[in-house]
Protein backbone atom coordinates (compact mmCIF):
# COMPACT_ATOMS: atom_id res chain seq x y z
CA MET A 1 -0.10 -0.06 0.05
CA LEU A 2 1.26 3.46 -1.05
CA ILE A 3 1.34 4.95 2.54
CA THR A 4 3.01 1.91 4.01
CA ASP A 5 5.82 1.84 1.31
CA LEU A 6 6.41 5.61 1.65
CA ALA A 7 6.42 5.63 5.48
CA ARG A 8 8.90 2.55 5.51
CA GLN A 9 11.19 4.73 3.52
CA ASN A 10 10.91 7.65 5.80
CA LEU A 11 9.49 9.85 3.15
CA ILE A 12 6.03 10.63 4.96
CA HIS A 13 5.42 10.70 8.64
CA PRO A 14 1.79 9.38 9.37
CA PRO A 15 0.94 8.44 12.84
CA LYS A 16 2.39 4.99 13.62
CA TRP A 17 -1.30 3.27 13.62
CA MET A 18 -2.33 4.86 10.43
CA PRO A 19 -0.85 2.62 7.45
CA ALA A 20 -2.44 -0.55 8.78
CA ASN A 21 -5.81 1.00 9.50
CA THR A 22 -6.28 2.87 6.37
CA VAL A 23 -9.40 1.73 4.66
CA MET A 24 -9.49 3.70 1.49
CA LEU A 25 -7.19 5.72 -0.60
CA VAL A 26 -8.07 7.44 -3.87
CA THR A 27 -6.59 9.74 -6.40
CA MET A 28 -8.34 13.03 -6.70
CA GLY A 29 -7.74 16.16 -8.68
CA SER A 30 -7.32 16.25 -12.42
CA GLN A 31 -6.87 12.52 -12.52
CA ALA A 32 -10.47 11.81 -10.99
CA TYR A 33 -11.91 14.45 -13.43
CA GLY A 34 -10.34 12.91 -16.40
CA VAL A 35 -8.25 15.98 -17.34
CA SER A 36 -4.78 15.21 -16.05
CA THR A 37 -1.64 15.75 -18.13
CA ASP A 38 1.62 13.84 -17.94
CA ALA A 39 2.91 16.73 -15.63
CA SER A 40 -0.06 16.53 -13.19
CA ASP A 41 0.68 15.86 -9.53
CA LEU A 42 -1.31 13.34 -7.70
CA ASP A 43 -3.62 14.52 -4.78
CA VAL A 44 -4.33 11.39 -2.63
CA TYR A 45 -7.37 11.26 -0.26
CA GLY A 46 -8.03 8.69 2.40
CA VAL A 47 -10.08 7.32 5.07
CA CYS A 48 -8.48 5.64 8.13
CA ILE A 49 -9.98 4.29 11.49
CA PRO A 50 -8.10 5.62 14.63
CA PRO A 51 -7.61 3.43 17.80
CA LYS A 52 -10.78 2.99 19.54
CA GLU A 53 -9.90 5.44 22.42
CA LEU A 54 -9.27 8.36 20.15
CA VAL A 55 -12.96 7.82 18.63
CA PHE A 56 -14.43 6.92 22.05
CA PRO A 57 -12.39 8.78 24.60
CA HIS A 58 -14.42 7.81 27.53
CA LEU A 59 -13.15 4.25 27.15
CA ALA A 60 -9.76 5.64 28.19
CA GLY A 61 -11.24 7.20 31.27
CA GLU A 62 -11.75 10.79 29.89
CA ILE A 63 -14.57 12.82 31.37
CA PRO A 64 -15.55 15.64 28.87
CA GLY A 65 -14.58 18.98 30.05
CA PHE A 66 -12.51 17.82 32.92
CA GLY A 67 -8.89 17.52 33.12
CA LYS A 68 -6.66 16.62 30.31
CA GLN A 69 -8.51 15.98 27.25
CA ILE A 70 -7.45 13.10 24.63
CA GLN A 71 -6.55 14.84 21.49
CA ARG A 72 -9.04 13.83 18.69
CA PHE A 73 -7.69 12.75 15.21
CA GLU A 74 -9.29 14.54 12.23
CA VAL A 75 -6.72 14.42 9.49
CA TRP A 76 -3.32 13.79 8.54
CA GLN A 77 -1.69 15.75 5.71
CA GLU A 78 1.70 15.99 3.96
CA HIS A 79 2.43 17.74 0.63
CA HIS A 80 4.99 17.66 -2.16
CA ILE A 81 6.22 14.16 -1.43
CA GLN A 82 8.55 13.01 -4.30
CA HIS A 83 8.21 9.27 -5.23
CA PRO A 84 11.52 7.81 -4.93
CA THR A 85 11.41 5.97 -8.24
CA LYS A 86 8.68 7.53 -10.30
CA GLU A 87 8.59 11.06 -11.62
CA VAL A 88 5.48 12.01 -9.44
CA GLU A 89 4.70 14.07 -6.44
CA TYR A 90 2.05 13.39 -4.10
CA ASP A 91 -0.17 15.44 -1.80
CA PHE A 92 -1.84 13.54 0.94
CA ALA A 93 -4.92 14.09 3.05
CA VAL A 94 -6.17 11.04 5.14
CA TYR A 95 -9.26 11.59 7.32
CA GLY A 96 -10.50 9.86 10.32
CA ILE A 97 -13.57 8.13 9.40
CA VAL A 98 -15.68 10.15 11.92
CA LYS A 99 -14.46 13.61 10.38
CA TYR A 100 -14.85 12.09 6.98
CA PHE A 101 -18.34 10.88 7.59
CA GLN A 102 -19.35 14.37 9.07
CA LEU A 103 -17.85 16.22 5.96
CA CYS A 104 -19.58 14.05 3.47
CA MET A 105 -22.77 14.46 5.45
CA GLU A 106 -22.30 18.20 4.96
CA ASN A 107 -21.93 17.61 1.20
CA ASN A 108 -18.32 19.25 1.31
CA PRO A 109 -17.44 19.08 -2.41
CA ASN A 110 -14.01 17.66 -2.15
CA MET A 111 -15.37 14.78 0.17
CA ILE A 112 -18.19 14.29 -1.96
CA ASP A 113 -15.77 13.84 -5.15
CA SER A 114 -13.66 11.44 -2.94
CA LEU A 115 -16.68 9.17 -2.52
CA PHE A 116 -17.50 9.13 -6.39
CA VAL A 117 -14.06 8.86 -7.97
CA PRO A 118 -14.16 6.18 -10.77
CA ARG A 119 -12.75 2.70 -9.89
CA ASN A 120 -9.56 3.25 -11.55
CA CYS A 121 -8.71 6.08 -9.13
CA VAL A 122 -9.13 3.77 -6.15
CA ILE A 123 -5.65 2.74 -5.08
CA HIS A 124 -6.59 1.04 -1.84
CA SER A 125 -9.68 -0.30 -0.49
CA THR A 126 -10.74 -2.67 2.27
CA ALA A 127 -13.98 -4.25 2.99
CA ILE A 128 -14.91 -1.11 5.08
CA GLY A 129 -13.91 1.03 1.98
CA GLU A 130 -16.18 -0.84 -0.15
CA MET A 131 -18.92 -0.44 2.47
CA VAL A 132 -18.66 3.20 2.40
CA ARG A 133 -18.53 3.45 -1.57
CA ASP A 134 -21.43 0.87 -1.71
CA ASN A 135 -23.52 3.30 0.20
CA ARG A 136 -22.33 6.64 -1.05
CA LYS A 137 -25.64 7.92 -2.55
CA LEU A 138 -26.88 7.90 1.08
CA PHE A 139 -24.73 11.03 1.79
CA LEU A 140 -26.30 13.10 -0.99
CA HIS A 141 -29.01 15.73 -0.34
CA LYS A 142 -30.12 19.09 -1.60
CA GLY A 143 -27.73 21.07 0.58
CA ALA A 144 -25.22 20.06 -2.08
CA TRP A 145 -26.39 22.96 -3.96
CA HIS A 146 -25.48 25.61 -1.51
CA LYS A 147 -21.96 23.93 -0.77
CA PHE A 148 -21.04 23.62 -4.47
CA LYS A 149 -22.31 26.92 -5.59
CA GLY A 150 -20.24 28.33 -2.67
CA TYR A 151 -17.30 26.79 -3.79
CA ALA A 152 -17.84 27.84 -7.45
CA TYR A 153 -18.18 31.57 -6.27
CA ALA A 154 -15.04 31.25 -4.37
CA GLN A 155 -13.22 30.08 -7.64
CA MET A 156 -14.70 32.76 -9.71
CA SER A 157 -13.59 35.48 -6.98
CA LYS A 158 -10.08 33.93 -7.54
CA ILE A 159 -10.32 34.28 -11.18
CA ARG A 160 -11.59 37.88 -10.96
CA ASN A 161 -8.74 38.92 -8.45
CA LYS A 162 -6.02 36.88 -10.34
CA THR A 163 -5.27 35.05 -6.96
CA ASN A 164 -2.55 32.67 -8.43
CA SER A 165 -0.51 35.31 -10.45
CA SER A 166 2.44 34.69 -8.10
CA ASN A 167 2.53 30.93 -9.36
CA PRO A 168 4.80 30.96 -12.38
CA LYS A 169 2.63 28.30 -14.15
CA ARG A 170 -0.62 29.96 -13.32
CA ALA A 171 0.71 33.39 -14.14
CA GLU A 172 1.56 32.38 -17.54
CA THR A 173 -2.05 31.07 -18.26
CA ILE A 174 -3.42 34.43 -16.93
CA GLU A 175 -0.98 36.31 -19.27
CA LYS A 176 -1.86 34.28 -22.23
CA PHE A 177 -5.63 33.96 -21.79
CA GLY A 178 -6.58 36.73 -19.28
CA TYR A 179 -7.52 34.34 -16.63
CA ASP A 180 -6.49 31.15 -14.54
CA VAL A 181 -7.90 28.38 -16.71
CA LYS A 182 -7.50 25.93 -13.79
CA PHE A 183 -9.90 27.95 -11.62
CA ALA A 184 -11.97 28.34 -14.49
CA TYR A 185 -12.40 24.48 -15.13
CA HIS A 186 -13.13 24.04 -11.50
CA VAL A 187 -16.06 26.64 -11.69
CA VAL A 188 -17.75 24.58 -14.48
CA ARG A 189 -16.81 21.38 -12.96
CA LEU A 190 -18.52 22.24 -9.67
CA ILE A 191 -21.63 23.39 -11.32
CA ASN A 192 -21.94 20.48 -13.73
CA GLU A 193 -21.45 18.11 -10.65
CA VAL A 194 -24.18 19.74 -8.51
CA GLU A 195 -26.51 19.58 -11.45
CA GLN A 196 -25.98 15.79 -11.59
CA ILE A 197 -26.55 15.42 -7.86
CA LEU A 198 -29.77 17.35 -7.80
CA VAL A 199 -31.24 15.61 -11.04
CA GLU A 200 -29.81 12.15 -10.65
CA GLY A 201 -28.98 11.76 -7.00
CA ASP A 202 -25.55 10.37 -8.56
CA LEU A 203 -22.40 11.59 -9.69
CA ASP A 204 -20.14 10.80 -12.67
CA LEU A 205 -16.85 12.86 -12.24
CA GLN A 206 -15.70 12.33 -15.69
CA ARG A 207 -18.81 12.93 -17.74
CA ASN A 208 -17.98 16.33 -18.91
CA ASN A 209 -14.25 15.94 -19.14
CA GLU A 210 -13.83 17.00 -22.70
CA GLN A 211 -15.58 20.13 -21.85
CA LEU A 212 -13.17 20.73 -18.87
CA LYS A 213 -10.25 19.90 -21.15
CA SER A 214 -11.33 22.60 -23.56
CA ILE A 215 -11.36 25.19 -20.86
CA ARG A 216 -7.88 24.11 -19.47
CA ARG A 217 -6.70 24.70 -23.14
CA GLY A 218 -7.85 28.09 -22.98
CA GLU A 219 -10.60 27.74 -25.49
CA TRP A 220 -13.07 29.67 -23.57
CA THR A 221 -13.13 33.30 -23.04
CA LEU A 222 -13.78 34.82 -19.69
CA GLU A 223 -17.05 36.21 -21.03
CA GLN A 224 -18.11 32.52 -22.01
CA LEU A 225 -17.26 31.39 -18.45
CA GLU A 226 -19.04 34.26 -16.87
CA GLY A 227 -21.96 33.69 -19.13
CA TYR A 228 -22.11 30.02 -18.50
CA PHE A 229 -21.95 30.31 -14.71
CA VAL A 230 -24.73 33.06 -14.62
CA LYS A 231 -27.09 30.97 -16.91
CA LYS A 232 -26.35 27.68 -14.92
CA GLU A 233 -26.84 29.38 -11.46
CA SER A 234 -30.35 30.55 -12.70
CA ILE A 235 -31.40 27.16 -14.12
CA LEU A 236 -30.05 25.12 -10.97
CA GLU A 237 -32.05 27.43 -8.71
CA GLN A 238 -35.10 25.83 -10.40
CA THR A 239 -33.57 22.37 -10.54
CA TYR A 240 -33.04 22.75 -6.61
CA ALA A 241 -36.76 23.57 -6.08
CA GLU A 242 -37.91 20.64 -8.04
CA SER A 243 -35.25 18.09 -7.01
CA LYS A 244 -36.52 14.63 -5.34
CA LEU A 245 -33.40 14.56 -3.05
CA PRO A 246 -34.24 15.05 0.76
CA HIS A 247 -33.56 18.55 1.90
CA GLY A 248 -30.89 17.53 4.39
CA PRO A 249 -28.95 14.45 5.32
CA ASP A 250 -30.56 11.29 6.78
CA GLU A 251 -28.29 11.71 9.90
CA GLN A 252 -29.62 8.44 11.62
CA ARG A 253 -28.90 6.15 8.54
CA ILE A 254 -25.51 7.68 8.17
CA LYS A 255 -24.72 7.23 11.79
CA PHE A 256 -25.74 3.61 11.50
CA LEU A 257 -23.43 3.19 8.48
CA LEU A 258 -20.66 4.56 10.44
CA MET A 259 -21.24 2.34 13.30
CA ASP A 260 -21.31 -0.61 11.09
CA CYS A 261 -17.90 0.30 9.69
CA LEU A 262 -16.56 0.65 13.28
CA GLU A 263 -17.82 -2.59 14.25
CA GLU A 264 -16.50 -4.20 11.32
CA HIS A 265 -13.08 -2.94 12.36
CA TYR A 266 -13.03 -3.02 16.33
CA GLY A 267 -15.68 -5.75 16.66
CA SER A 268 -18.51 -5.27 19.03
CA LEU A 269 -19.24 -1.59 20.12
CA GLN A 270 -21.52 -2.63 22.90
CA ALA A 271 -19.22 -1.26 25.76
CA ALA A 272 -18.69 1.88 23.73
CA VAL A 273 -22.09 3.02 22.53
CA ILE A 274 -25.74 2.12 22.73
CA ARG A 275 -27.42 1.36 19.39
CA VAL A 276 -31.09 2.19 19.90
CA PRO A 277 -33.19 2.72 16.68
CA GLN A 278 -35.33 5.91 16.91
CA ILE A 279 -39.07 5.73 16.36
CA ASP A 280 -38.60 8.14 13.60
CA GLN A 281 -36.32 5.89 11.78
CA VAL A 282 -38.67 2.97 12.06
CA LEU A 283 -41.58 5.18 10.62
CA ASN A 284 -39.29 6.29 7.74
CA ASP A 285 -38.56 2.73 6.98
CA LEU A 286 -42.14 1.74 6.93
CA ALA A 287 -43.13 4.68 4.67
CA ALA A 288 -40.36 3.67 2.33
CA ILE A 289 -41.63 0.12 2.21
CA ILE A 290 -45.33 1.32 1.64
CA ASP A 291 -44.13 3.64 -1.20
CA ARG A 292 -42.12 0.84 -2.80
CA TYR A 293 -45.09 -1.60 -3.02
CA GLY A 294 -47.38 1.15 -3.83
CA GLU A 295 -45.41 1.76 -7.00
CA LYS A 296 -45.51 -1.86 -8.06
CA SER A 297 -49.27 -2.24 -7.53
């Protein structure tokens, strides 16, 4: 596994427990979106399961708010890691599974993308990793529109302010095309992705890769980009209103999935947490069954 190999060579320095407890690693960025070039670096996102006492500190005797608190693990990151034999540079971000689920539940665009990368971008996945991927649609809800739109606005702001003009490669594209083409393709990508989510309740990251490649080549003018963004924003406001996705996350179902993953890893959680199905969840399940059989009749 990539993290194990690089840690053994002392090229990265994750927590000692992490390599053996990483359940998923995926390549993100331009490779996941189908627009990579030979010069593209590799963004690697992952999910790990920390030792049980870091997830459930009370098992180590911690009383919340009293005395020394156990430091929670959320994410390990290291950047610009050169592979010893390949001409590739890695940026790593590996999240603890609790933090990862929380960010996915909030429809953070980067986390949602990591859930929906194509299979050829999955470089490591255990049974737990597959459990998460198999249930990835569970995380999607209409709140994605606000999150993705916010990220797209942030990219547009960087374009207008020429934020990356201090980066030689990015400054060159600004000089050549009048704007940063990498920020530009992310604007269009984010808008296209959230449209898929709202309409289909699913996400194919590479569906529009030819369009994104054309933007990276500088074939769009800034006026075209602005016009596309404004038009899509107007359309998607209506799409949001008509979407059949739930307005927010099904927190109870996602929590049960998280607990299933933790039990698969640790064994029984009986001593750590009580699992009691809430009456609302039971009613939701019954309603779903009634709707399913109603459609067949």
